[in-house]
Protein backbone atom coordinates (compact mmCIF):
# COMPACT_ATOMS: atom_id res chain seq x y z
CA MET A 1 19.05 18.50 -18.80
CA ASN A 2 22.28 19.98 -20.10
CA LYS A 3 20.98 23.53 -19.50
CA ILE A 4 20.22 22.76 -15.86
CA SER A 5 23.66 21.33 -15.15
CA THR A 6 25.29 24.28 -16.93
CA TYR A 7 23.21 26.66 -14.83
CA PHE A 8 24.33 25.04 -11.57
CA LYS A 9 27.98 24.93 -12.65
CA GLU A 10 27.96 28.61 -13.63
CA SER A 11 26.12 29.59 -10.46
CA TYR A 12 28.65 27.76 -8.31
CA ARG A 13 31.56 29.34 -10.18
CA GLU A 14 30.03 32.78 -9.79
CA LEU A 15 29.61 32.27 -6.03
CA LEU A 16 33.27 31.32 -5.70
CA GLU A 17 34.90 33.78 -8.08
CA LYS A 18 32.68 36.85 -8.48
CA VAL A 19 30.86 37.32 -5.18
CA THR A 20 32.61 39.43 -2.56
CA TRP A 21 31.80 37.98 0.83
CA PRO A 22 31.93 40.28 3.89
CA THR A 23 34.52 39.81 6.58
CA TRP A 24 33.45 38.77 10.07
CA ASN A 25 33.78 42.36 11.35
CA GLN A 26 31.74 43.75 8.45
CA LEU A 27 29.07 41.14 9.08
CA GLN A 28 28.87 42.00 12.78
CA GLN A 29 28.68 45.73 12.02
CA SER A 30 25.91 45.25 9.46
CA THR A 31 24.00 43.02 11.87
CA MET A 32 24.18 45.66 14.61
CA ILE A 33 22.95 48.36 12.22
CA VAL A 34 19.98 46.22 11.22
CA LEU A 35 19.24 45.35 14.85
CA VAL A 36 19.31 48.99 15.99
CA ALA A 37 17.18 50.10 13.04
CA THR A 38 14.65 47.35 13.78
CA ILE A 39 14.41 48.38 17.44
CA ILE A 40 13.95 52.06 16.52
CA ILE A 41 11.26 51.33 13.94
CA THR A 42 9.49 48.96 16.34
CA ALA A 43 9.49 51.65 19.04
CA MET A 44 8.09 54.22 16.59
CA VAL A 45 5.29 51.89 15.53
CA TRP A 46 4.50 51.09 19.18
CA VAL A 47 4.30 54.80 20.06
CA MET A 48 2.00 55.49 17.08
CA ASP A 49 -0.19 52.51 17.97
CA PHE A 50 -0.38 53.46 21.65
CA SER A 51 -1.16 57.13 20.93
CA SER A 52 -3.82 56.33 18.34
CA ASN A 53 -5.37 53.83 20.75
CA GLN A 54 -5.52 56.46 23.51
CA LEU A 55 -6.94 59.05 21.11
CA LEU A 56 -9.67 56.68 19.94
CA LYS A 57 -10.55 55.79 23.54
CA LEU A 58 -10.91 59.50 24.27
CA ILE A 59 -13.11 60.06 21.22
CA TYR A 60 -15.29 57.03 22.02
CA SER A 61 -15.70 58.15 25.61
CA LEU A 62 -17.09 61.48 24.42
CA PHE A 63 -19.98 59.74 22.65
CA LYS A 64 -21.07 57.41 25.44
């Protein structure tokens, strides 16, 4: 039980003393970067999905 309490005490101390927390502006900037990257990747996946779907429809229509 002593090891568990020591672990929590050291973890709490590390969070307060050793972790560098971002400022509000840094947090907003990082969030915007992640949001833009997510939108771009989503659009790329949608385009690939749509184009492969259309290509497969074309191929299937040739063999009807």
